[in-house]
Amino acid sequence: MVTEKIILGIDPGTSIMGFGIIKVVKKSMSFVQMNELDLRKVTDPYIKLRKIFERTIELIDTHQPDEIALEAPFFGKNVQSMLKLGRAQGVAMAAGLSRDIPVFEYAPLKIKQSITGKGSASKEQVARMLQSLLGIKELPKNLDMTDGLAAAVCHFYNSDRIEVGKSYTGWAAFVKQNEQRIKK
């Protein structure tokens, strides 16, 4: 059994790609880094994809993650937006796979539920919970960073720690069954 690993979480996007890194030792996680790749000034869509690939490779080479967790594109009405997000996710996946790193994908609802216990939580609620869980002093203005970090934390919680399909009757039941997730 592996007792130490690094998880890279990515919130892929063609305007901003948020990412976060956590270190897991035994059954405890700690914050390593979070940041973003700002692509808003890049006009060529193919250059954006190349930059996502290159930045992901750079993160992999620098931090040597054992696993990568990606936020899956949500299903919306705008097909073009979904196509762009899918491409961004695909090049991030390809970067990980090119370095033989296992890639895991989580729906936005699953990530929010894993972090806050509520699938309809706002970005701000997720960010504040991450701040509390990981002891982050100051939250960034752009919450794409915390979205990437949330993907990594979601993967940590869903890696043989929480039973799939488990439901809770309320916060009290959630807390009682997940005491290891509560900072005292």
Protein backbone atom coordinates (compact mmCIF):
# COMPACT_ATOMS: atom_id res chain seq x y z
CA MET A 1 0.00 0.00 0.00
CA VAL A 2 1.31 3.44 -0.98
CA THR A 3 1.58 5.69 2.07
CA GLU A 4 2.63 8.87 0.27
CA LYS A 5 1.48 10.38 -3.01
CA ILE A 6 1.02 13.68 -4.84
CA ILE A 7 -2.31 14.48 -6.52
CA LEU A 8 -2.59 17.14 -9.22
CA GLY A 9 -6.10 18.51 -9.67
CA ILE A 10 -7.06 20.42 -12.80
CA ASP A 11 -10.09 22.51 -13.71
CA PRO A 12 -9.60 22.65 -17.48
CA GLY A 13 -10.70 25.71 -19.38
CA THR A 14 -9.79 27.60 -22.52
CA SER A 15 -9.90 30.97 -20.76
CA ILE A 16 -8.45 29.93 -17.41
CA MET A 17 -7.12 26.56 -16.34
CA GLY A 18 -7.06 26.26 -12.56
CA PHE A 19 -4.89 23.72 -10.81
CA GLY A 20 -4.07 22.59 -7.32
CA ILE A 21 -1.67 20.11 -5.80
CA ILE A 22 -1.96 18.19 -2.56
CA LYS A 23 0.37 15.78 -0.82
CA VAL A 24 -1.10 12.73 0.85
CA VAL A 25 0.79 10.99 3.64
CA LYS A 26 -0.97 7.88 4.94
CA LYS A 27 -4.56 9.13 5.37
CA SER A 28 -3.78 12.82 5.74
CA MET A 29 -3.58 15.49 3.06
CA SER A 30 -1.70 18.79 2.96
CA PHE A 31 -1.76 21.77 0.63
CA VAL A 32 1.18 22.14 -1.76
CA GLN A 33 0.17 24.74 -4.35
CA MET A 34 -2.63 26.23 -6.40
CA ASN A 35 -2.48 28.58 -9.35
CA GLU A 36 -3.91 29.21 -12.78
CA LEU A 37 -2.95 29.42 -16.41
CA ASP A 38 -4.58 32.57 -17.81
CA LEU A 39 -5.31 32.14 -21.51
CA ARG A 40 -7.67 35.09 -22.00
CA LYS A 41 -5.17 37.07 -24.10
CA VAL A 42 -4.43 34.14 -26.42
CA THR A 43 -6.68 34.38 -29.49
CA ASP A 44 -5.68 31.25 -31.42
CA PRO A 45 -7.65 28.26 -30.00
CA TYR A 46 -4.93 25.79 -31.01
CA ILE A 47 -2.22 27.81 -29.25
CA LYS A 48 -4.43 27.72 -26.13
CA LEU A 49 -4.52 23.93 -26.30
CA ARG A 50 -0.76 23.77 -26.75
CA LYS A 51 -0.26 26.04 -23.72
CA ILE A 52 -2.57 23.83 -21.60
CA PHE A 53 -0.58 20.76 -22.65
CA GLU A 54 2.78 22.44 -21.99
CA ARG A 55 1.75 23.82 -18.58
CA THR A 56 0.39 20.44 -17.52
CA ILE A 57 3.66 18.76 -18.58
CA GLU A 58 5.59 21.43 -16.64
CA LEU A 59 3.50 20.74 -13.52
CA ILE A 60 4.05 17.01 -13.91
CA ASP A 61 7.80 17.39 -14.37
CA THR A 62 8.08 19.78 -11.41
CA HIS A 63 5.82 18.06 -8.86
CA GLN A 64 5.92 14.42 -10.04
CA PRO A 65 2.25 13.67 -9.25
CA ASP A 66 1.21 10.07 -8.80
CA GLU A 67 -2.34 10.76 -10.00
CA ILE A 68 -4.23 13.48 -11.84
CA ALA A 69 -7.84 14.40 -11.11
CA LEU A 70 -9.77 16.43 -13.67
CA GLU A 71 -13.08 18.21 -13.44
CA ALA A 72 -15.26 16.87 -16.24
CA PRO A 73 -17.06 19.35 -18.50
CA PHE A 74 -20.60 19.99 -17.30
CA PHE A 75 -23.47 19.42 -19.66
CA GLY A 76 -24.79 22.77 -20.82
CA LYS A 77 -26.87 24.08 -23.64
CA ASN A 78 -23.98 25.66 -25.56
CA VAL A 79 -22.44 22.91 -27.67
CA GLN A 80 -19.48 25.08 -28.74
CA SER A 81 -18.53 25.78 -25.11
CA MET A 82 -18.70 22.08 -24.28
CA LEU A 83 -16.53 21.25 -27.29
CA LYS A 84 -13.89 23.80 -26.18
CA LEU A 85 -13.92 22.47 -22.61
CA GLY A 86 -13.68 18.90 -23.85
CA ARG A 87 -10.65 19.77 -25.93
CA ALA A 88 -9.00 21.52 -22.96
CA GLN A 89 -9.69 18.49 -20.80
CA GLY A 90 -8.39 16.17 -23.53
CA VAL A 91 -5.01 17.86 -23.84
CA ALA A 92 -4.59 17.89 -20.03
CA MET A 93 -5.42 14.17 -20.03
CA ALA A 94 -3.00 13.55 -22.89
CA ALA A 95 -0.22 15.31 -20.96
CA GLY A 96 -0.75 13.04 -17.97
CA LEU A 97 -1.06 9.92 -20.05
CA SER A 98 2.10 10.82 -21.99
CA ARG A 99 3.95 10.58 -18.65
CA ASP A 100 2.13 7.35 -17.65
CA ILE A 101 0.19 9.02 -14.83
CA PRO A 102 -3.28 7.66 -14.04
CA VAL A 103 -6.02 10.19 -14.82
CA PHE A 104 -9.36 10.34 -13.01
CA GLU A 105 -12.39 12.41 -13.94
CA TYR A 106 -15.05 13.82 -11.64
CA ALA A 107 -18.30 15.61 -12.42
CA PRO A 108 -18.61 19.11 -10.93
CA LEU A 109 -21.51 17.92 -8.76
CA LYS A 110 -19.40 15.05 -7.37
CA ILE A 111 -16.53 17.42 -6.56
CA LYS A 112 -18.81 19.87 -4.74
CA GLN A 113 -20.50 17.06 -2.85
CA SER A 114 -17.16 15.53 -1.83
CA ILE A 115 -15.86 18.84 -0.49
CA THR A 116 -18.96 20.39 1.09
CA GLY A 117 -21.44 17.52 1.35
CA LYS A 118 -23.76 19.41 -1.00
CA GLY A 119 -23.72 19.02 -4.79
CA SER A 120 -25.31 22.42 -5.33
CA ALA A 121 -22.66 24.32 -3.33
CA SER A 122 -21.34 27.56 -4.81
CA LYS A 123 -17.72 28.09 -5.88
CA GLU A 124 -17.33 30.31 -2.81
CA GLN A 125 -18.61 27.60 -0.46
CA VAL A 126 -16.20 25.06 -1.96
CA ALA A 127 -13.31 27.54 -1.66
CA ARG A 128 -14.09 28.31 2.00
CA MET A 129 -14.32 24.61 2.86
CA LEU A 130 -10.95 23.99 1.16
CA GLN A 131 -9.52 26.93 3.09
CA SER A 132 -10.67 25.33 6.32
CA LEU A 133 -9.62 21.77 5.41
CA LEU A 134 -6.15 22.68 4.15
CA GLY A 135 -5.33 25.71 6.32
CA ILE A 136 -5.05 28.08 3.37
CA LYS A 137 -4.40 31.57 4.70
CA GLU A 138 -5.88 33.61 1.89
CA LEU A 139 -8.19 32.59 -0.93
CA PRO A 140 -7.42 33.76 -4.46
CA LYS A 141 -9.66 36.25 -6.23
CA ASN A 142 -10.13 33.82 -9.11
CA LEU A 143 -11.79 30.64 -7.87
CA ASP A 144 -10.70 28.56 -10.87
CA MET A 145 -7.62 27.86 -8.76
CA THR A 146 -9.69 26.43 -5.92
CA ASP A 147 -11.75 24.45 -8.45
CA GLY A 148 -8.56 22.69 -9.56
CA LEU A 149 -7.59 22.11 -5.94
CA ALA A 150 -11.10 20.77 -5.25
CA ALA A 151 -10.64 18.13 -7.97
CA ALA A 152 -7.50 16.88 -6.19
CA VAL A 153 -9.21 16.82 -2.79
CA CYS A 154 -12.27 15.08 -4.26
CA HIS A 155 -9.98 12.39 -5.64
CA PHE A 156 -8.33 11.99 -2.24
CA TYR A 157 -11.74 11.52 -0.60
CA ASN A 158 -12.88 9.09 -3.27
CA SER A 159 -9.74 6.93 -3.36
CA ASP A 160 -10.92 3.98 -1.26
CA ARG A 161 -12.00 6.26 1.57
CA ILE A 162 -15.70 6.87 1.06
CA GLU A 163 -18.08 4.23 -0.16
CA VAL A 164 -19.63 4.98 -3.52
CA GLY A 165 -23.33 5.67 -3.25
CA LYS A 166 -23.22 6.44 0.47
CA SER A 167 -25.91 8.89 1.48
CA TYR A 168 -26.38 10.99 4.58
CA THR A 169 -29.52 12.14 6.36
CA GLY A 170 -27.99 15.52 7.20
CA TRP A 171 -24.85 17.32 8.35
CA ALA A 172 -24.77 15.50 11.69
CA ALA A 173 -24.73 12.10 9.95
CA PHE A 174 -22.11 13.31 7.46
CA VAL A 175 -19.83 14.60 10.25
CA LYS A 176 -20.27 11.45 12.34
CA GLN A 177 -19.34 9.19 9.42
CA ASN A 178 -16.44 11.40 8.25
CA GLU A 179 -14.74 12.52 11.47
CA GLN A 180 -11.30 12.22 9.84
CA ARG A 181 -12.28 15.09 7.50
CA ILE A 182 -13.03 17.54 10.31
CA LYS A 183 -10.31 19.81 11.66
CA LYS A 184 -10.64 20.32 15.40
